[in-house]
Protein backbone atom coordinates (compact mmCIF):
# COMPACT_ATOMS: atom_id res chain seq x y z
CA UNK A 1 36.69 270.11 4.35
CA UNK A 2 37.82 271.23 0.91
CA UNK A 3 34.98 271.75 -1.54
CA UNK A 4 34.84 269.54 -4.62
CA UNK A 5 34.29 272.65 -6.68
CA UNK A 6 36.91 275.36 -6.77
CA UNK A 7 37.23 278.71 -8.44
CA UNK A 8 39.65 278.67 -11.36
CA UNK A 9 42.11 281.51 -11.70
CA UNK A 10 39.92 283.16 -14.31
CA UNK A 11 36.84 282.99 -12.09
CA UNK A 12 35.19 280.03 -13.84
CA UNK A 13 34.15 277.08 -11.68
CA UNK A 14 34.71 273.49 -12.66
CA UNK A 15 34.64 270.22 -10.71
CA UNK A 16 37.98 269.58 -9.06
CA UNK A 17 39.84 266.60 -10.56
CA UNK A 18 41.10 263.77 -8.42
CA UNK A 19 44.09 261.46 -8.61
CA UNK A 20 44.87 258.38 -6.65
CA UNK A 21 47.48 258.96 -3.98
CA UNK A 22 50.97 258.51 -5.39
CA UNK A 23 49.78 258.07 -8.96
CA UNK A 24 50.96 260.29 -11.79
CA UNK A 25 48.89 260.98 -14.86
CA UNK A 26 49.92 259.15 -18.00
CA UNK A 27 50.96 261.48 -20.86
CA UNK A 28 47.97 260.41 -22.94
CA UNK A 29 45.50 261.71 -20.35
CA UNK A 30 47.46 264.74 -19.14
CA UNK A 31 45.22 267.20 -20.96
CA UNK A 32 42.12 266.02 -19.17
CA UNK A 33 43.79 266.21 -15.78
CA UNK A 34 44.83 269.79 -16.47
CA UNK A 35 41.30 270.75 -17.47
CA UNK A 36 41.61 270.74 -21.22
CA UNK A 37 44.41 272.71 -22.73
CA UNK A 38 42.55 275.11 -24.99
CA UNK A 39 45.03 276.03 -27.69
CA UNK A 40 48.03 274.02 -28.83
CA UNK A 41 48.66 276.21 -31.86
CA UNK A 42 50.99 279.14 -32.24
CA UNK A 43 48.88 281.82 -30.57
CA UNK A 44 47.72 282.37 -27.01
CA UNK A 45 44.70 283.94 -25.35
CA UNK A 46 46.62 287.02 -24.24
CA UNK A 47 46.20 289.91 -26.64
CA UNK A 48 47.85 293.26 -27.09
CA UNK A 49 46.05 296.59 -26.96
CA UNK A 50 44.85 296.14 -30.54
CA UNK A 51 43.29 292.80 -29.73
CA UNK A 52 45.80 290.80 -31.79
CA UNK A 53 46.91 287.43 -30.37
CA UNK A 54 50.36 287.25 -28.78
CA UNK A 55 52.34 284.25 -30.14
CA UNK A 56 53.11 281.79 -27.39
CA UNK A 57 56.71 282.15 -26.25
CA UNK A 58 59.48 279.98 -24.98
CA UNK A 59 59.83 280.69 -21.25
CA UNK A 60 62.99 280.99 -19.17
CA UNK A 61 62.40 281.72 -15.48
CA UNK A 62 65.63 282.57 -13.61
CA UNK A 63 65.39 282.58 -9.82
CA UNK A 64 68.21 283.76 -7.57
CA UNK A 65 68.50 282.55 -3.97
CA UNK A 66 68.37 285.12 -1.12
CA UNK A 67 69.07 288.05 -3.47
CA UNK A 68 67.87 291.25 -1.84
CA UNK A 69 65.59 293.87 -3.37
CA UNK A 70 68.48 296.37 -3.42
CA UNK A 71 71.26 294.10 -4.70
CA UNK A 72 71.09 295.06 -8.40
CA UNK A 73 72.24 298.28 -9.99
CA UNK A 74 68.85 298.80 -11.62
CA UNK A 75 67.28 298.66 -8.14
CA UNK A 76 69.68 301.19 -6.64
CA UNK A 77 72.79 299.17 -5.79
CA UNK A 78 75.95 301.30 -6.12
CA UNK A 79 78.77 298.94 -5.14
CA UNK A 80 77.99 295.58 -6.75
CA UNK A 81 78.38 295.40 -10.53
CA UNK A 82 75.39 293.90 -12.37
CA UNK A 83 75.72 295.20 -15.95
CA UNK A 84 73.84 292.39 -17.68
CA UNK A 85 70.80 292.49 -15.41
CA UNK A 86 70.79 296.28 -15.64
CA UNK A 87 70.81 295.91 -19.43
CA UNK A 88 68.01 293.32 -19.21
CA UNK A 89 65.96 295.90 -17.28
CA UNK A 90 66.57 298.46 -20.03
CA UNK A 91 65.52 295.92 -22.65
CA UNK A 92 62.42 294.88 -20.73
CA UNK A 93 60.18 295.94 -17.86
CA UNK A 94 61.32 296.31 -14.26
CA UNK A 95 58.68 295.76 -11.60
CA UNK A 96 59.21 297.59 -8.32
CA UNK A 97 56.41 296.00 -6.28
CA UNK A 98 56.61 292.31 -7.09
CA UNK A 99 56.52 289.87 -4.19
CA UNK A 100 57.88 286.40 -3.52
CA UNK A 101 55.55 283.66 -2.33
CA UNK A 102 57.11 283.54 1.14
CA UNK A 103 60.02 285.01 3.12
CA UNK A 104 61.81 281.61 2.94
CA UNK A 105 62.66 279.35 0.05
CA UNK A 106 60.52 276.18 -0.03
CA UNK A 107 57.07 277.79 0.35
CA UNK A 108 58.08 280.57 -2.03
CA UNK A 109 58.98 277.99 -4.67
CA UNK A 110 55.74 276.11 -3.98
CA UNK A 111 53.79 279.33 -4.67
CA UNK A 112 55.75 279.86 -7.87
CA UNK A 113 55.18 276.33 -9.15
CA UNK A 114 51.54 275.77 -8.07
CA UNK A 115 49.98 279.26 -7.98
CA UNK A 116 48.83 278.76 -4.36
CA UNK A 117 49.59 281.27 -1.62
CA UNK A 118 50.85 280.08 1.77
CA UNK A 119 47.35 279.95 3.26
CA UNK A 120 46.51 277.11 0.87
CA UNK A 121 49.86 275.65 -0.14
CA UNK A 122 51.42 272.38 0.93
CA UNK A 123 54.59 274.20 2.05
CA UNK A 124 54.39 277.02 4.61
CA UNK A 125 57.93 276.78 5.96
CA UNK A 126 61.03 274.84 4.98
CA UNK A 127 60.53 272.01 7.49
CA UNK A 128 57.13 270.72 8.67
CA UNK A 129 56.35 270.71 12.38
CA UNK A 130 54.30 267.53 11.94
CA UNK A 131 54.73 264.68 9.44
CA UNK A 132 57.18 264.48 6.59
CA UNK A 133 60.35 262.40 6.58
CA UNK A 134 63.90 262.77 7.80
CA UNK A 135 66.23 263.07 4.82
CA UNK A 136 69.91 262.12 4.92
CA UNK A 137 70.95 265.77 4.68
CA UNK A 138 71.86 267.50 7.17
CA UNK A 139 70.98 267.80 10.88
CA UNK A 140 68.12 265.32 10.35
CA UNK A 141 65.63 268.01 9.32
CA UNK A 142 62.11 266.96 8.43
CA UNK A 143 61.06 267.28 4.82
CA UNK A 144 57.79 267.48 2.93
CA UNK A 145 57.09 267.06 -0.79
CA UNK A 146 54.56 267.90 -3.46
CA UNK A 147 52.02 265.13 -3.99
CA UNK A 148 50.69 263.54 -7.17
CA UNK A 149 47.55 265.68 -7.14
CA UNK A 150 49.51 268.95 -7.10
CA UNK A 151 49.64 270.62 -10.52
CA UNK A 152 52.73 272.65 -11.40
CA UNK A 153 53.48 275.23 -14.05
CA UNK A 154 55.67 272.61 -15.73
CA UNK A 155 52.74 270.21 -16.04
CA UNK A 156 50.54 272.95 -17.48
CA UNK A 157 53.11 273.91 -20.12
CA UNK A 158 54.00 270.29 -20.86
CA UNK A 159 50.32 269.65 -21.61
CA UNK A 160 50.50 272.47 -24.15
CA UNK A 161 53.36 270.83 -26.05
CA UNK A 162 56.35 272.40 -24.29
CA UNK A 163 59.51 270.50 -23.44
CA UNK A 164 60.34 271.30 -19.82
CA UNK A 165 63.58 271.51 -17.90
CA UNK A 166 64.67 272.52 -14.40
CA UNK A 167 68.12 273.11 -12.98
CA UNK A 168 69.50 274.27 -9.65
CA UNK A 169 67.61 274.15 -6.34
CA UNK A 170 64.26 272.36 -6.08
CA UNK A 171 63.33 271.97 -2.40
CA UNK A 172 59.86 270.50 -3.06
CA UNK A 173 60.51 266.75 -2.96
CA UNK A 174 63.10 264.28 -1.74
CA UNK A 175 64.43 261.32 -3.73
CA UNK A 176 61.82 258.64 -4.34
CA UNK A 177 58.83 260.84 -3.50
CA UNK A 178 56.06 262.19 -5.72
CA UNK A 179 57.64 265.64 -5.38
CA UNK A 180 60.78 265.16 -7.47
CA UNK A 181 60.84 267.39 -10.57
CA UNK A 182 60.51 264.52 -13.08
CA UNK A 183 57.23 263.53 -11.39
CA UNK A 184 56.01 267.14 -11.35
CA UNK A 185 56.10 267.87 -15.06
CA UNK A 186 59.79 268.37 -15.85
CA UNK A 187 61.26 266.29 -18.66
CA UNK A 188 64.81 267.07 -17.57
CA UNK A 189 66.21 267.93 -14.15
CA UNK A 190 69.68 268.57 -12.71
CA UNK A 191 70.47 269.94 -9.28
CA UNK A 192 69.80 269.74 -5.55
CA UNK A 193 66.56 268.22 -4.25
CA UNK A 194 67.13 269.30 -0.65
CA UNK A 195 67.44 273.01 0.17
CA UNK A 196 70.00 272.45 2.93
CA UNK A 197 72.13 270.39 0.58
CA UNK A 198 71.93 273.36 -1.80
CA UNK A 199 74.10 275.40 0.55
CA UNK A 200 77.07 273.17 -0.33
CA UNK A 201 78.50 274.73 -3.48
CA UNK A 202 81.22 272.06 -3.66
CA UNK A 203 79.06 269.00 -2.95
CA UNK A 204 80.20 265.56 -4.02
CA UNK A 205 76.93 264.79 -5.82
CA UNK A 206 73.81 266.26 -7.39
CA UNK A 207 70.68 264.69 -8.88
CA UNK A 208 70.26 264.23 -12.62
CA UNK A 209 66.68 263.22 -13.27
CA UNK A 210 66.13 260.56 -10.58
CA UNK A 211 69.71 259.31 -10.30
CA UNK A 212 72.64 260.54 -8.25
CA UNK A 213 75.23 262.38 -10.34
CA UNK A 214 78.65 262.15 -8.75
CA UNK A 215 81.04 265.12 -8.80
CA UNK A 216 84.45 263.50 -8.71
CA UNK A 217 86.19 266.86 -8.72
CA UNK A 218 84.93 267.57 -5.23
CA UNK A 219 85.92 264.31 -3.58
CA UNK A 220 88.60 264.04 -0.88
CA UNK A 221 88.38 267.70 0.00
CA UNK A 222 88.95 268.99 -3.54
CA UNK A 223 86.96 272.00 -4.76
CA UNK A 224 87.05 271.75 -8.55
CA UNK A 225 83.36 271.81 -9.52
CA UNK A 226 81.39 274.88 -8.41
CA UNK A 227 77.78 273.82 -8.81
CA UNK A 228 76.51 277.21 -10.00
CA UNK A 229 78.79 276.92 -13.03
CA UNK A 230 77.50 273.41 -13.76
CA UNK A 231 73.94 274.73 -13.66
CA UNK A 232 74.72 277.42 -16.22
CA UNK A 233 76.24 274.85 -18.58
CA UNK A 234 73.16 272.63 -18.25
CA UNK A 235 70.86 275.58 -18.98
CA UNK A 236 72.86 276.60 -22.06
CA UNK A 237 72.86 273.03 -23.34
CA UNK A 238 69.10 272.66 -22.75
CA UNK A 239 68.39 275.76 -24.85
CA UNK A 240 70.66 274.61 -27.65
CA UNK A 241 69.10 271.14 -27.79
CA UNK A 242 65.50 272.38 -27.73
CA UNK A 243 65.77 275.54 -29.82
CA UNK A 244 63.46 274.13 -32.50
CA UNK A 245 60.52 273.39 -30.16
CA UNK A 246 58.66 275.41 -27.50
CA UNK A 247 60.46 275.08 -24.18
CA UNK A 248 60.10 276.05 -20.52
CA UNK A 249 63.35 276.28 -18.59
CA UNK A 250 63.35 276.93 -14.82
CA UNK A 251 66.83 278.08 -13.74
CA UNK A 252 66.81 278.07 -9.94
CA UNK A 253 70.29 279.32 -9.14
CA UNK A 254 71.64 278.80 -5.61
CA UNK A 255 73.66 282.00 -5.33
CA UNK A 256 73.97 284.29 -3.44
CA UNK A 257 72.59 282.02 -0.69
CA UNK A 258 73.83 282.91 2.78
CA UNK A 259 76.59 280.26 2.89
CA UNK A 260 78.97 282.51 0.98
CA UNK A 261 81.51 280.80 -1.31
CA UNK A 262 82.84 281.68 -4.74
CA UNK A 263 85.82 280.46 -6.83
CA UNK A 264 87.28 283.94 -7.25
CA UNK A 265 86.76 287.40 -5.79
CA UNK A 266 87.14 289.40 -9.01
CA UNK A 267 86.46 292.19 -9.59
CA UNK A 268 86.44 292.95 -5.86
CA UNK A 269 89.62 291.27 -4.59
CA UNK A 270 91.43 294.56 -3.97
CA UNK A 271 88.50 296.48 -2.53
CA UNK A 272 88.94 297.68 1.09
CA UNK A 273 85.86 295.73 2.16
CA UNK A 274 85.24 292.98 4.71
CA UNK A 275 86.09 289.57 3.23
CA UNK A 276 82.52 288.26 3.24
CA UNK A 277 81.34 291.43 1.53
CA UNK A 278 83.78 290.72 -1.30
CA UNK A 279 82.51 287.15 -1.56
CA UNK A 280 78.86 288.25 -1.60
CA UNK A 281 79.50 290.85 -4.30
CA UNK A 282 81.53 288.38 -6.40
CA UNK A 283 78.69 285.83 -6.22
CA UNK A 284 76.16 288.36 -7.49
CA UNK A 285 78.42 289.53 -10.30
CA UNK A 286 79.00 285.90 -11.29
CA UNK A 287 75.22 285.41 -11.32
CA UNK A 288 74.90 288.52 -13.48
CA UNK A 289 77.56 287.23 -15.89
CA UNK A 290 75.74 283.95 -16.37
CA UNK A 291 72.35 285.55 -16.89
CA UNK A 292 74.11 287.47 -19.63
CA UNK A 293 75.41 284.23 -21.15
CA UNK A 294 71.87 282.84 -21.31
CA UNK A 295 70.57 286.02 -22.94
CA UNK A 296 73.46 286.07 -25.39
CA UNK A 297 72.74 282.49 -26.45
CA UNK A 298 69.10 283.34 -27.13
CA UNK A 299 70.37 286.10 -29.41
CA UNK A 300 72.87 283.84 -31.17
CA UNK A 301 70.17 281.25 -31.87
CA UNK A 302 67.67 283.81 -33.09
CA UNK A 303 65.34 283.14 -30.15
CA UNK A 304 65.27 286.57 -28.51
CA UNK A 305 61.94 287.68 -29.94
CA UNK A 306 60.31 284.32 -29.23
CA UNK A 307 61.50 283.90 -25.61
CA UNK A 308 59.98 285.41 -22.48
CA UNK A 309 62.62 285.71 -19.74
CA UNK A 310 61.92 286.40 -16.06
CA UNK A 311 64.50 287.20 -13.42
CA UNK A 312 63.64 287.30 -9.72
CA UNK A 313 64.64 286.07 -6.24
CA UNK A 314 62.96 283.54 -3.96
CA UNK A 315 62.84 285.90 -0.95
CA UNK A 316 64.63 288.86 0.55
CA UNK A 317 68.24 288.91 1.72
CA UNK A 318 69.16 287.71 5.21
CA UNK A 319 69.92 290.44 7.69
CA UNK A 320 73.61 289.64 8.06
CA UNK A 321 76.69 291.80 8.05
CA UNK A 322 77.62 291.12 4.42
CA UNK A 323 74.13 292.10 3.24
CA UNK A 324 73.91 295.07 5.58
CA UNK A 325 77.20 296.32 4.10
CA UNK A 326 75.48 296.70 0.72
CA UNK A 327 72.02 297.74 2.00
CA UNK A 328 70.69 294.63 0.25
CA UNK A 329 67.18 295.33 1.54
CA UNK A 330 67.02 298.55 -0.46
CA UNK A 331 65.83 300.55 2.56
CA UNK A 332 62.91 298.20 3.24
CA UNK A 333 62.17 296.89 6.72
CA UNK A 334 63.16 293.34 7.65
CA UNK A 335 64.71 290.55 5.63
CA UNK A 336 64.60 286.83 4.96
CA UNK A 337 62.25 285.03 7.35
CA UNK A 338 60.12 288.12 8.00
CA UNK A 339 56.82 289.28 6.52
CA UNK A 340 57.87 292.90 6.29
CA UNK A 341 58.71 294.25 2.84
CA UNK A 342 62.40 293.38 3.10
CA UNK A 343 61.53 289.70 3.38
CA UNK A 344 58.91 289.60 0.62
CA UNK A 345 59.52 292.29 -2.00
CA UNK A 346 61.95 291.04 -4.64
CA UNK A 347 63.45 292.20 -7.93
CA UNK A 348 61.42 291.20 -10.98
CA UNK A 349 62.69 291.92 -14.48
CA UNK A 350 60.77 290.63 -17.51
CA UNK A 351 62.12 290.71 -21.07
CA UNK A 352 60.48 289.64 -24.32
CA UNK A 353 61.66 291.90 -27.18
CA UNK A 354 58.78 293.25 -29.21
CA UNK A 355 56.16 292.07 -26.70
CA UNK A 356 57.20 293.34 -23.26
CA UNK A 357 57.85 297.11 -23.39
CA UNK A 358 61.52 298.08 -23.14
CA UNK A 359 62.70 300.57 -20.52
CA UNK A 360 59.40 300.48 -18.65
CA UNK A 361 59.12 300.60 -14.86
CA UNK A 362 55.90 299.39 -13.25
CA UNK A 363 54.80 299.78 -9.63
CA UNK A 364 51.74 297.52 -9.98
CA UNK A 365 51.81 294.91 -7.18
CA UNK A 366 51.73 291.21 -8.09
CA UNK A 367 53.33 288.04 -6.74
CA UNK A 368 54.58 284.53 -7.38
CA UNK A 369 51.14 282.81 -7.37
CA UNK A 370 50.37 284.87 -10.50
CA UNK A 371 53.10 283.18 -12.54
CA UNK A 372 51.31 279.89 -13.21
CA UNK A 373 48.04 281.37 -14.55
CA UNK A 374 50.02 283.90 -16.57
CA UNK A 375 52.13 281.22 -18.24
CA UNK A 376 49.02 279.14 -18.86
CA UNK A 377 47.42 282.05 -20.71
CA UNK A 378 50.51 282.74 -22.80
CA UNK A 379 50.85 279.05 -23.68
CA UNK A 380 47.17 278.74 -24.58
CA UNK A 381 46.46 276.32 -21.71
CA UNK A 382 43.87 276.22 -18.94
CA UNK A 383 45.22 276.96 -15.47
CA UNK A 384 44.28 274.76 -12.52
CA UNK A 385 42.55 276.16 -9.44
CA UNK A 386 44.92 278.52 -7.67
CA UNK A 387 45.21 281.84 -5.86
CA UNK A 388 46.99 283.77 -8.60
CA UNK A 389 45.62 285.82 -11.47
CA UNK A 390 46.71 286.19 -15.10
CA UNK A 391 49.00 289.23 -15.40
CA UNK A 392 50.01 288.63 -19.03
CA UNK A 393 48.49 291.92 -20.21
CA UNK A 394 50.40 293.76 -17.48
CA UNK A 395 53.62 292.17 -18.76
CA UNK A 396 52.95 293.02 -22.39
CA UNK A 397 51.87 296.59 -21.63
CA UNK A 398 48.29 296.07 -22.79
CA UNK A 399 47.20 297.37 -19.39
CA UNK A 400 48.95 299.28 -16.63
CA UNK A 401 46.76 298.33 -13.66
CA UNK A 402 45.23 295.25 -12.08
CA UNK A 403 41.89 295.04 -10.25
CA UNK A 404 42.19 295.59 -6.50
CA UNK A 405 42.65 292.29 -4.67
CA UNK A 406 44.20 290.81 -1.55
CA UNK A 407 47.70 289.32 -1.61
CA UNK A 408 48.27 286.95 1.31
CA UNK A 409 51.23 285.38 3.12
CA UNK A 410 51.69 283.44 6.34
CA UNK A 411 54.76 282.12 8.09
CA UNK A 412 54.68 279.74 11.08
CA UNK A 413 57.45 281.08 13.30
CA UNK A 414 56.68 281.09 17.04
CA UNK A 415 53.04 280.79 16.01
CA UNK A 416 51.06 282.07 13.05
CA UNK A 417 52.35 285.26 11.41
CA UNK A 418 50.20 286.78 8.65
CA UNK A 419 50.56 289.58 6.10
CA UNK A 420 48.08 291.06 3.62
CA UNK A 421 48.50 293.59 0.85
CA UNK A 422 45.35 295.37 -0.35
CA UNK A 423 45.70 298.38 -2.66
CA UNK A 424 48.47 300.45 -1.04
CA UNK A 425 47.78 299.01 2.41
CA UNK A 426 49.95 296.37 4.06
CA UNK A 427 48.70 294.69 7.23
CA UNK A 428 50.79 292.41 9.45
CA UNK A 429 49.82 290.32 12.44
CA UNK A 430 52.77 288.83 14.31
CA UNK A 431 52.39 285.68 16.38
CA UNK A 432 51.01 286.41 19.83
CA UNK A 433 49.79 289.88 18.89
CA UNK A 434 46.00 290.04 18.46
CA UNK A 435 45.94 293.37 16.65
CA UNK A 436 46.95 294.10 13.07
CA UNK A 437 49.61 296.67 12.28
CA UNK A 438 48.74 298.72 9.20
CA UNK A 439 51.08 300.60 6.87
CA UNK A 440 50.48 302.84 3.87
CA UNK A 441 53.12 301.63 1.39
CA UNK A 442 52.50 304.54 -0.96
CA UNK A 443 53.93 306.92 1.65
CA UNK A 444 55.75 304.55 4.00
CA UNK A 445 57.41 301.67 2.09
CA UNK A 446 59.76 301.11 5.04
CA UNK A 447 56.74 300.29 7.26
CA UNK A 448 57.65 302.67 10.06
CA UNK A 449 54.26 304.18 10.94
CA UNK A 450 51.41 301.98 12.16
CA UNK A 451 48.12 303.55 11.05
CA UNK A 452 45.77 300.87 12.37
CA UNK A 453 44.22 303.12 15.01
CA UNK A 454 43.67 305.91 12.49
CA UNK A 455 42.15 303.67 9.78
CA UNK A 456 39.62 301.35 11.47
CA UNK A 457 37.59 300.85 8.29
CA UNK A 458 40.62 299.50 6.42
CA UNK A 459 41.53 297.25 9.34
CA UNK A 460 37.96 295.94 9.46
CA UNK A 461 38.01 295.17 5.72
CA UNK A 462 41.26 293.24 6.01
CA UNK A 463 40.10 291.37 9.13
CA UNK A 464 37.03 290.22 7.22
CA UNK A 465 39.27 288.87 4.45
CA UNK A 466 41.51 287.08 6.96
CA UNK A 467 38.59 285.03 8.26
CA UNK A 468 38.51 283.13 4.96
CA UNK A 469 42.10 283.58 3.76
CA UNK A 470 43.52 280.24 4.82
CA UNK A 471 43.02 276.60 5.65
CA UNK A 472 44.66 275.00 8.65
CA UNK A 473 47.67 272.91 7.60
CA UNK A 474 48.17 269.40 9.01
CA UNK A 475 51.93 269.94 8.77
CA UNK A 476 52.10 273.38 10.37
CA UNK A 477 49.21 273.54 12.85
CA UNK A 478 49.31 276.92 14.55
CA UNK A 479 49.39 275.65 18.13
CA UNK A 480 52.21 273.21 17.41
CA UNK A 481 54.25 275.90 15.66
CA UNK A 482 53.89 278.11 18.74
CA UNK A 483 55.12 275.35 21.08
CA UNK A 484 57.96 274.24 18.81
CA UNK A 485 59.83 277.53 18.70
């Protein structure tokens, strides 16, 4: 049974709010439901090293889909051209040990939006083993959605006076449910609700707010409207229209998702590469181009110094031939759908000129659940109960460490799989294996040498944490997950 008192992200306890099932908070009472936004003025609680307040920024969070840790030039890629993201890294801070919320998309996006890790989140895989609904898309897969009582980063920032927009891939609520973006704090929304639908780059329709938006250029077999390009145009328009007010824009691009399609292969058409390798590289360079367009617009509108921009990926790259060709995993073990580093560790570049140090590289570990409490701090709002911590001072360079803590993931494939990061230690328990494997990431980032037998005290400490790390999920009960695979 969940306690009616929970620890807030900043360690303060407060009675947990309640909402009636299926009921959304009215705008006039949103502040109370989000536990009293503390500052709606022009400064936030985060301070720099001199103790001065940091003005609250606009926020643009750009999320790629299935982009590997090693797919960008600034993370070691030598074949795929990513000049704008490499420049963004030079103009901001590049984090080398940032982690997604999950090795697959829906639970990773849940962690990003709600600040809950997969031991507490509503989503722990893309499709629930129990419950949910069958959506029209495709193969009759079951779907789950965020509920009215879930509090997202968009709701937190909206309560602080931000206008909020989302574009691209959602994956956290089907049409007509409480989980659609407009019912989870976003004023404007354009994109795919269903993650399987999001693999169709030339679909005949998308969702605009809560209505179907038909793409006539893709009817009758035509391929005239590449959805990634439509998403970029929406994002550019959103920034232009809201440049005079604080805004939060979530740009959840769908490329380079594993269904590889792109309108043109330039600049790789003549390379002596496998065809799918050319497509994969062209998708990433197109992504890079459009990130550059967003950054350029911020400069043109005079918003560079007032806008905090994140770039990351929802999980690691799949282990397929096209990704293997480019060493998309960056030498890390595993890939999408696995709890090894290659499935969880993702690029993370953060830029905010004058606030986030330029040209800095940080190896401090943090992960997607930290985003919500961090944005709450920077916006001057109170974060809801969650598993993340505020890393705003890490972003702004006011500190270069974080207190030691446990980062947790689980993934219900053929049973319960669990992973924990504590200091430089990474522990993994695969389904059906009673013992933990233990790796020292400081000396073995590729997770090749199991040190569990040599470090019993560390194993014991992590085992103690695991006893309280999670709640059983009604949608992914461990025994059902084991039977279903």
